Structure formats: C-alpha cells, structure tokens
Amino acid sequence: MRRNSFVRNALLKKQGSARSKAFVEGFAGGGDVSLMEIEHDKYGGRVAAIVLRGDGEDVGDALIAAGLAIPYGAAKPWCI
C-alpha cells in the first residue's frame, strides 16, 4: 500500500514539474532572464535565487499565482 502511494506521489510530482517547465518557457518567451540574490540553499546542493524575466516580472511570483509553486520554505502538503 505504501509503495503505491509513493509511486503515485512521484508521478504527480513529475507531471507538476512538466507543467511548471512549460509555464516558465512560455512566460520567459525565449527572452532573457536574470538571476538575483543568488545563494546556495540550506542543503548546499541547490541554488536559491530570484529569477526575473527581461521586463522585470518575477518568474517565481508568476508560478505561485498560477498555482504551480509555493513560496520557498512553505509547508509542502503533498509530502505529508
């Protein structure tokens, strides 16, 4: 039973990742993006940064508004 739940959650995360990637590609429109406030996250293996589209629009804010992301550090209900 637990394995099925793990596989289901992994598939949902993969589908969500694909939707988020497609959204960012469309949002950026093939234009430039800038990274601001770049730092390693608390685990040291990833980079945390603010990503801005060429016109200054925040990519992270757009993902959150579209329901495709949550704020960094927020509870992750799908991992419970």
PDB file of N, CA and C in Angstrom:
ATOM      1  N   MET A   1       0.832  -1.195   0.000  1.00  0.00           N
ATOM      2  CA  MET A   1       0.000   0.000   0.000  1.00  0.00           C
ATOM      3  C   MET A   1       0.874   1.257   0.000  1.00  0.00           C
ATOM      4  N   ARG A   2       1.881   1.292   0.855  1.00  0.00           N
ATOM      5  CA  ARG A   2       2.740   2.469   0.951  1.00  0.00           C
ATOM      6  C   ARG A   2       3.505   2.696  -0.349  1.00  0.00           C
ATOM      7  N   ARG A   3       3.958   1.625  -1.006  1.00  0.00           N
ATOM      8  CA  ARG A   3       4.692   1.759  -2.265  1.00  0.00           C
ATOM      9  C   ARG A   3       3.813   2.404  -3.331  1.00  0.00           C
ATOM     10  N   ASN A   4       2.565   1.992  -3.420  1.00  0.00           N
ATOM     11  CA  ASN A   4       1.643   2.590  -4.391  1.00  0.00           C
ATOM     12  C   ASN A   4       1.487   4.085  -4.153  1.00  0.00           C
ATOM     13  N   SER A   5       1.417   4.482  -2.881  1.00  0.00           N
ATOM     14  CA  SER A   5       1.299   5.892  -2.539  1.00  0.00           C
ATOM     15  C   SER A   5       2.555   6.649  -2.967  1.00  0.00           C
ATOM     16  N   PHE A   6       3.723   6.039  -2.744  1.00  0.00           N
ATOM     17  CA  PHE A   6       4.987   6.672  -3.136  1.00  0.00           C
ATOM     18  C   PHE A   6       5.059   6.838  -4.654  1.00  0.00           C
ATOM     19  N   VAL A   7       4.707   5.804  -5.393  1.00  0.00           N
ATOM     20  CA  VAL A   7       4.744   5.862  -6.858  1.00  0.00           C
ATOM     21  C   VAL A   7       3.756   6.914  -7.364  1.00  0.00           C
ATOM     22  N   ARG A   8       2.559   6.954  -6.795  1.00  0.00           N
ATOM     23  CA  ARG A   8       1.562   7.940  -7.190  1.00  0.00           C
ATOM     24  C   ARG A   8       2.078   9.351  -6.945  1.00  0.00           C
ATOM     25  N   ASN A   9       2.678   9.596  -5.766  1.00  0.00           N
ATOM     26  CA  ASN A   9       3.213  10.915  -5.454  1.00  0.00           C
ATOM     27  C   ASN A   9       4.348  11.283  -6.396  1.00  0.00           C
ATOM     28  N   ALA A  10       5.199  10.323  -6.731  1.00  0.00           N
ATOM     29  CA  ALA A  10       6.315  10.585  -7.644  1.00  0.00           C
ATOM     30  C   ALA A  10       5.782  10.954  -9.033  1.00  0.00           C
ATOM     31  N   LEU A  11       4.760  10.253  -9.489  1.00  0.00           N
ATOM     32  CA  LEU A  11       4.172  10.571 -10.795  1.00  0.00           C
ATOM     33  C   LEU A  11       3.523  11.957 -10.791  1.00  0.00           C
ATOM     34  N   LEU A  12       2.837  12.302  -9.711  1.00  0.00           N
ATOM     35  CA  LEU A  12       2.223  13.623  -9.609  1.00  0.00           C
ATOM     36  C   LEU A  12       3.278  14.721  -9.624  1.00  0.00           C
ATOM     37  N   LYS A  13       4.390  14.504  -8.927  1.00  0.00           N
ATOM     38  CA  LYS A  13       5.477  15.487  -8.912  1.00  0.00           C
ATOM     39  C   LYS A  13       6.085  15.639 -10.298  1.00  0.00           C
ATOM     40  N   LYS A  14       6.252  14.530 -11.002  1.00  0.00           N
ATOM     41  CA  LYS A  14       6.817  14.586 -12.351  1.00  0.00           C
ATOM     42  C   LYS A  14       5.892  15.356 -13.286  1.00  0.00           C
ATOM     43  N   GLN A  15       4.596  15.104 -13.200  1.00  0.00           N
ATOM     44  CA  GLN A  15       3.631  15.825 -14.033  1.00  0.00           C
ATOM     45  C   GLN A  15       3.631  17.313 -13.691  1.00  0.00           C
ATOM     46  N   GLY A  16       3.703  17.623 -12.403  1.00  0.00           N
ATOM     47  CA  GLY A  16       3.747  19.015 -11.978  1.00  0.00           C
ATOM     48  C   GLY A  16       5.005  19.712 -12.470  1.00  0.00           C
ATOM     49  N   SER A  17       6.117  18.999 -12.454  1.00  0.00           N
ATOM     50  CA  SER A  17       7.375  19.559 -12.956  1.00  0.00           C
ATOM     51  C   SER A  17       7.272  19.885 -14.435  1.00  0.00           C
ATOM     52  N   ALA A  18       6.650  19.007 -15.195  1.00  0.00           N
ATOM     53  CA  ALA A  18       6.495  19.239 -16.636  1.00  0.00           C
ATOM     54  C   ALA A  18       5.612  20.460 -16.894  1.00  0.00           C
ATOM     55  N   ARG A  19       4.532  20.602 -16.115  1.00  0.00           N
ATOM     56  CA  ARG A  19       3.648  21.768 -16.267  1.00  0.00           C
ATOM     57  C   ARG A  19       4.391  23.064 -15.906  1.00  0.00           C
ATOM     58  N   SER A  20       5.169  23.007 -14.836  1.00  0.00           N
ATOM     59  CA  SER A  20       5.929  24.187 -14.412  1.00  0.00           C
ATOM     60  C   SER A  20       6.977  24.575 -15.443  1.00  0.00           C
ATOM     61  N   LYS A  21       7.659  23.587 -15.989  1.00  0.00           N
ATOM     62  CA  LYS A  21       8.668  23.859 -17.008  1.00  0.00           C
ATOM     63  C   LYS A  21       8.033  24.518 -18.232  1.00  0.00           C
ATOM     64  N   ALA A  22       6.922  23.977 -18.677  1.00  0.00           N
ATOM     65  CA  ALA A  22       6.230  24.538 -19.843  1.00  0.00           C
ATOM     66  C   ALA A  22       5.762  25.969 -19.549  1.00  0.00           C
ATOM     67  N   PHE A  23       5.288  26.197 -18.334  1.00  0.00           N
ATOM     68  CA  PHE A  23       4.842  27.532 -17.957  1.00  0.00           C
ATOM     69  C   PHE A  23       6.000  28.525 -18.009  1.00  0.00           C
ATOM     70  N   VAL A  24       7.135  28.153 -17.426  1.00  0.00           N
ATOM     71  CA  VAL A  24       8.299  29.057 -17.401  1.00  0.00           C
ATOM     72  C   VAL A  24       8.797  29.332 -18.815  1.00  0.00           C
ATOM     73  N   GLU A  25       8.834  28.300 -19.652  1.00  0.00           N
ATOM     74  CA  GLU A  25       9.274  28.502 -21.035  1.00  0.00           C
ATOM     75  C   GLU A  25       8.354  29.496 -21.752  1.00  0.00           C
ATOM     76  N   GLY A  26       7.062  29.363 -21.556  1.00  0.00           N
ATOM     77  CA  GLY A  26       6.112  30.290 -22.169  1.00  0.00           C
ATOM     78  C   GLY A  26       6.187  31.674 -21.554  1.00  0.00           C
ATOM     79  N   PHE A  27       6.342  31.739 -20.249  1.00  0.00           N
ATOM     80  CA  PHE A  27       6.407  33.016 -19.538  1.00  0.00           C
ATOM     81  C   PHE A  27       7.642  33.814 -19.957  1.00  0.00           C
ATOM     82  N   ALA A  28       8.764  33.127 -20.086  1.00  0.00           N
ATOM     83  CA  ALA A  28      10.005  33.798 -20.497  1.00  0.00           C
ATOM     84  C   ALA A  28       9.965  34.149 -21.974  1.00  0.00           C
ATOM     85  N   GLY A  29       9.192  33.404 -22.752  1.00  0.00           N
ATOM     86  CA  GLY A  29       9.022  33.706 -24.170  1.00  0.00           C
ATOM     87  C   GLY A  29      10.307  33.675 -24.976  1.00  0.00           C
ATOM     88  N   GLY A  30      11.273  32.900 -24.553  1.00  0.00           N
ATOM     89  CA  GLY A  30      12.533  32.815 -25.288  1.00  0.00           C
ATOM     90  C   GLY A  30      13.437  34.015 -25.070  1.00  0.00           C
ATOM     91  N   GLY A  31      13.019  34.928 -24.193  1.00  0.00           N
ATOM     92  CA  GLY A  31      13.817  36.119 -23.926  1.00  0.00           C
ATOM     93  C   GLY A  31      14.808  35.907 -22.798  1.00  0.00           C
ATOM     94  N   ASP A  32      15.437  36.981 -22.422  1.00  0.00           N
ATOM     95  CA  ASP A  32      16.427  36.939 -21.353  1.00  0.00           C
ATOM     96  C   ASP A  32      15.765  36.805 -19.992  1.00  0.00           C
ATOM     97  N   VAL A  33      16.478  36.178 -19.066  1.00  0.00           N
ATOM     98  CA  VAL A  33      16.107  36.151 -17.659  1.00  0.00           C
ATOM     99  C   VAL A  33      17.341  36.538 -16.858  1.00  0.00           C
ATOM    100  N   SER A  34      17.110  37.069 -15.685  1.00  0.00           N
ATOM    101  CA  SER A  34      18.196  37.455 -14.788  1.00  0.00           C
ATOM    102  C   SER A  34      18.028  36.735 -13.460  1.00  0.00           C
ATOM    103  N   LEU A  35      19.140  36.369 -12.853  1.00  0.00           N
ATOM    104  CA  LEU A  35      19.127  35.765 -11.526  1.00  0.00           C
ATOM    105  C   LEU A  35      19.622  36.802 -10.529  1.00  0.00           C
ATOM    106  N   MET A  36      18.864  36.991  -9.444  1.00  0.00           N
ATOM    107  CA  MET A  36      19.203  37.970  -8.409  1.00  0.00           C
ATOM    108  C   MET A  36      19.300  37.256  -7.066  1.00  0.00           C
ATOM    109  N   GLU A  37      20.079  37.814  -6.167  1.00  0.00           N
ATOM    110  CA  GLU A  37      20.225  37.275  -4.811  1.00  0.00           C
ATOM    111  C   GLU A  37      20.548  35.778  -4.846  1.00  0.00           C
ATOM    112  N   ILE A  38      21.558  35.418  -5.599  1.00  0.00           N
ATOM    113  CA  ILE A  38      21.945  34.020  -5.784  1.00  0.00           C
ATOM    114  C   ILE A  38      22.694  33.518  -4.553  1.00  0.00           C
ATOM    115  N   GLU A  39      22.271  32.366  -4.037  1.00  0.00           N
ATOM    116  CA  GLU A  39      22.951  31.733  -2.904  1.00  0.00           C
ATOM    117  C   GLU A  39      22.641  30.252  -2.894  1.00  0.00           C
ATOM    118  N   HIS A  40      23.475  29.493  -2.207  1.00  0.00           N
ATOM    119  CA  HIS A  40      23.182  28.068  -2.035  1.00  0.00           C
ATOM    120  C   HIS A  40      22.052  27.938  -1.027  1.00  0.00           C
ATOM    121  N   ASP A  41      21.177  26.974  -1.260  1.00  0.00           N
ATOM    122  CA  ASP A  41      20.099  26.780  -0.300  1.00  0.00           C
ATOM    123  C   ASP A  41      20.657  26.128   0.953  1.00  0.00           C
ATOM    124  N   LYS A  42      19.795  25.865   1.912  1.00  0.00           N
ATOM    125  CA  LYS A  42      20.255  25.341   3.201  1.00  0.00           C
ATOM    126  C   LYS A  42      20.888  23.955   3.105  1.00  0.00           C
ATOM    127  N   TYR A  43      20.656  23.241   2.016  1.00  0.00           N
ATOM    128  CA  TYR A  43      21.244  21.920   1.842  1.00  0.00           C
ATOM    129  C   TYR A  43      22.570  21.987   1.084  1.00  0.00           C
ATOM    130  N   GLY A  44      22.883  23.114   0.471  1.00  0.00           N
ATOM    131  CA  GLY A  44      24.162  23.309  -0.198  1.00  0.00           C
ATOM    132  C   GLY A  44      24.279  22.704  -1.579  1.00  0.00           C
ATOM    133  N   GLY A  45      23.330  21.914  -2.000  1.00  0.00           N
ATOM    134  CA  GLY A  45      23.420  21.265  -3.305  1.00  0.00           C
ATOM    135  C   GLY A  45      22.611  21.949  -4.393  1.00  0.00           C
ATOM    136  N   ARG A  46      21.789  22.891  -3.983  1.00  0.00           N
ATOM    137  CA  ARG A  46      20.941  23.604  -4.937  1.00  0.00           C
ATOM    138  C   ARG A  46      21.210  25.098  -4.810  1.00  0.00           C
ATOM    139  N   VAL A  47      20.764  25.839  -5.792  1.00  0.00           N
ATOM    140  CA  VAL A  47      20.915  27.282  -5.766  1.00  0.00           C
ATOM    141  C   VAL A  47      19.545  27.914  -5.571  1.00  0.00           C
ATOM    142  N   ALA A  48      19.468  28.864  -4.659  1.00  0.00           N
ATOM    143  CA  ALA A  48      18.250  29.641  -4.458  1.00  0.00           C
ATOM    144  C   ALA A  48      18.498  31.016  -5.063  1.00  0.00           C
ATOM    145  N   ALA A  49      17.566  31.499  -5.845  1.00  0.00           N
ATOM    146  CA  ALA A  49      17.716  32.807  -6.482  1.00  0.00           C
ATOM    147  C   ALA A  49      16.353  33.363  -6.848  1.00  0.00           C
ATOM    148  N   ILE A  50      16.300  34.653  -7.042  1.00  0.00           N
ATOM    149  CA  ILE A  50      15.125  35.303  -7.605  1.00  0.00           C
ATOM    150  C   ILE A  50      15.355  35.357  -9.111  1.00  0.00           C
ATOM    151  N   VAL A  51      14.388  34.877  -9.874  1.00  0.00           N
ATOM    152  CA  VAL A  51      14.514  34.843 -11.329  1.00  0.00           C
ATOM    153  C   VAL A  51      13.556  35.879 -11.909  1.00  0.00           C
ATOM    154  N   LEU A  52      14.116  36.788 -12.686  1.00  0.00           N
ATOM    155  CA  LEU A  52      13.315  37.849 -13.296  1.00  0.00           C
ATOM    156  C   LEU A  52      13.331  37.732 -14.810  1.00  0.00           C
ATOM    157  N   ARG A  53      12.167  37.919 -15.413  1.00  0.00           N
ATOM    158  CA  ARG A  53      12.054  37.996 -16.863  1.00  0.00           C
ATOM    159  C   ARG A  53      12.683  39.316 -17.302  1.00  0.00           C
ATOM    160  N   GLY A  54      12.990  39.452 -18.576  1.00  0.00           N
ATOM    161  CA  GLY A  54      13.634  40.649 -19.097  1.00  0.00           C
ATOM    162  C   GLY A  54      12.935  41.946 -18.743  1.00  0.00           C
ATOM    163  N   ASP A  55      11.604  41.917 -18.608  1.00  0.00           N
ATOM    164  CA  ASP A  55      10.852  43.130 -18.276  1.00  0.00           C
ATOM    165  C   ASP A  55      10.717  43.350 -16.771  1.00  0.00           C
ATOM    166  N   GLY A  56      11.395  42.512 -15.975  1.00  0.00           N
ATOM    167  CA  GLY A  56      11.378  42.661 -14.529  1.00  0.00           C
ATOM    168  C   GLY A  56      10.336  41.841 -13.804  1.00  0.00           C
ATOM    169  N   GLU A  57       9.474  41.140 -14.534  1.00  0.00           N
ATOM    170  CA  GLU A  57       8.464  40.281 -13.892  1.00  0.00           C
ATOM    171  C   GLU A  57       9.155  39.113 -13.195  1.00  0.00           C
ATOM    172  N   ASP A  58       8.714  38.811 -11.975  1.00  0.00           N
ATOM    173  CA  ASP A  58       9.292  37.743 -11.164  1.00  0.00           C
ATOM    174  C   ASP A  58       8.701  36.394 -11.587  1.00  0.00           C
ATOM    175  N   VAL A  59       9.543  35.509 -12.043  1.00  0.00           N
ATOM    176  CA  VAL A  59       9.098  34.186 -12.511  1.00  0.00           C
ATOM    177  C   VAL A  59       8.493  33.391 -11.355  1.00  0.00           C
ATOM    178  N   GLY A  60       9.098  33.462 -10.177  1.00  0.00           N
ATOM    179  CA  GLY A  60       8.576  32.741  -9.019  1.00  0.00           C
ATOM    180  C   GLY A  60       7.182  33.201  -8.627  1.00  0.00           C
ATOM    181  N   ASP A  61       6.983  34.523  -8.619  1.00  0.00           N
ATOM    182  CA  ASP A  61       5.649  35.055  -8.301  1.00  0.00           C
ATOM    183  C   ASP A  61       4.610  34.577  -9.315  1.00  0.00           C
ATOM    184  N   ALA A  62       5.006  34.524 -10.583  1.00  0.00           N
ATOM    185  CA  ALA A  62       4.083  34.056 -11.625  1.00  0.00           C
ATOM    186  C   ALA A  62       3.741  32.583 -11.431  1.00  0.00           C
ATOM    187  N   LEU A  63       4.726  31.772 -11.065  1.00  0.00           N
ATOM    188  CA  LEU A  63       4.474  30.345 -10.801  1.00  0.00           C
ATOM    189  C   LEU A  63       3.526  30.172  -9.615  1.00  0.00           C
ATOM    190  N   ILE A  64       3.743  30.961  -8.570  1.00  0.00           N
ATOM    191  CA  ILE A  64       2.870  30.881  -7.390  1.00  0.00           C
ATOM    192  C   ILE A  64       1.453  31.302  -7.757  1.00  0.00           C
ATOM    193  N   ALA A  65       1.315  32.412  -8.484  1.00  0.00           N
ATOM    194  CA  ALA A  65      -0.011  32.898  -8.887  1.00  0.00           C
ATOM    195  C   ALA A  65      -0.743  31.884  -9.758  1.00  0.00           C
ATOM    196  N   ALA A  66       0.013  31.108 -10.556  1.00  0.00           N
ATOM    197  CA  ALA A  66      -0.587  30.102 -11.432  1.00  0.00           C
ATOM    198  C   ALA A  66      -0.886  28.797 -10.689  1.00  0.00           C
ATOM    199  N   GLY A  67      -0.529  28.733  -9.406  1.00  0.00           N
ATOM    200  CA  GLY A  67      -0.767  27.524  -8.620  1.00  0.00           C
ATOM    201  C   GLY A  67       0.220  26.409  -8.913  1.00  0.00           C
ATOM    202  N   LEU A  68       1.361  26.742  -9.496  1.00  0.00           N
ATOM    203  CA  LEU A  68       2.354  25.734  -9.862  1.00  0.00           C
ATOM    204  C   LEU A  68       3.533  25.684  -8.895  1.00  0.00           C
ATOM    205  N   ALA A  69       3.535  26.557  -7.901  1.00  0.00           N
ATOM    206  CA  ALA A  69       4.618  26.585  -6.921  1.00  0.00           C
ATOM    207  C   ALA A  69       4.078  27.146  -5.616  1.00  0.00           C
ATOM    208  N   ILE A  70       4.850  26.960  -4.552  1.00  0.00           N
ATOM    209  CA  ILE A  70       4.549  27.557  -3.261  1.00  0.00           C
ATOM    210  C   ILE A  70       5.767  28.378  -2.852  1.00  0.00           C
ATOM    211  N   PRO A  71       5.605  29.346  -1.968  1.00  0.00           N
ATOM    212  CA  PRO A  71       6.757  30.145  -1.533  1.00  0.00           C
ATOM    213  C   PRO A  71       7.848  29.275  -0.911  1.00  0.00           C
ATOM    214  N   TYR A  72       9.093  29.646  -1.142  1.00  0.00           N
ATOM    215  CA  TYR A  72      10.233  28.917  -0.585  1.00  0.00           C
ATOM    216  C   TYR A  72      10.100  28.846   0.933  1.00  0.00           C
ATOM    217  N   GLY A  73      10.247  27.667   1.480  1.00  0.00           N
ATOM    218  CA  GLY A  73      10.153  27.453   2.920  1.00  0.00           C
ATOM    219  C   GLY A  73       8.750  27.160   3.426  1.00  0.00           C
ATOM    220  N   ALA A  74       7.738  27.272   2.567  1.00  0.00           N
ATOM    221  CA  ALA A  74       6.364  26.981   2.982  1.00  0.00           C
ATOM    222  C   ALA A  74       6.171  25.475   3.144  1.00  0.00           C
ATOM    223  N   ALA A  75       5.166  25.099   3.932  1.00  0.00           N
ATOM    224  CA  ALA A  75       4.843  23.678   4.114  1.00  0.00           C
ATOM    225  C   ALA A  75       4.497  23.054   2.772  1.00  0.00           C
ATOM    226  N   LYS A  76       4.897  21.822   2.591  1.00  0.00           N
ATOM    227  CA  LYS A  76       4.641  21.098   1.343  1.00  0.00           C
ATOM    228  C   LYS A  76       3.578  20.025   1.610  1.00  0.00           C
ATOM    229  N   PRO A  77       2.306  20.356   1.403  1.00  0.00           N
ATOM    230  CA  PRO A  77       1.240  19.414   1.745  1.00  0.00           C
ATOM    231  C   PRO A  77       1.295  18.108   0.969  1.00  0.00           C
ATOM    232  N   TRP A  78       1.894  18.073  -0.219  1.00  0.00           N
ATOM    233  CA  TRP A  78       1.937  16.844  -0.993  1.00  0.00           C
ATOM    234  C   TRP A  78       2.998  15.874  -0.464  1.00  0.00           C
ATOM    235  N   CYS A  79       3.838  16.320   0.468  1.00  0.00           N
ATOM    236  CA  CYS A  79       4.872  15.447   1.021  1.00  0.00           C
ATOM    237  C   CYS A  79       4.438  14.815   2.334  1.00  0.00           C
ATOM    238  N   ILE A  80       3.250  15.144   2.805  1.00  0.00           N
ATOM    239  CA  ILE A  80       2.775  14.643   4.107  1.00  0.00           C
ATOM    240  C   ILE A  80       2.314  13.214   3.968  1.00  0.00           C
TER     241      ILE A  80
END
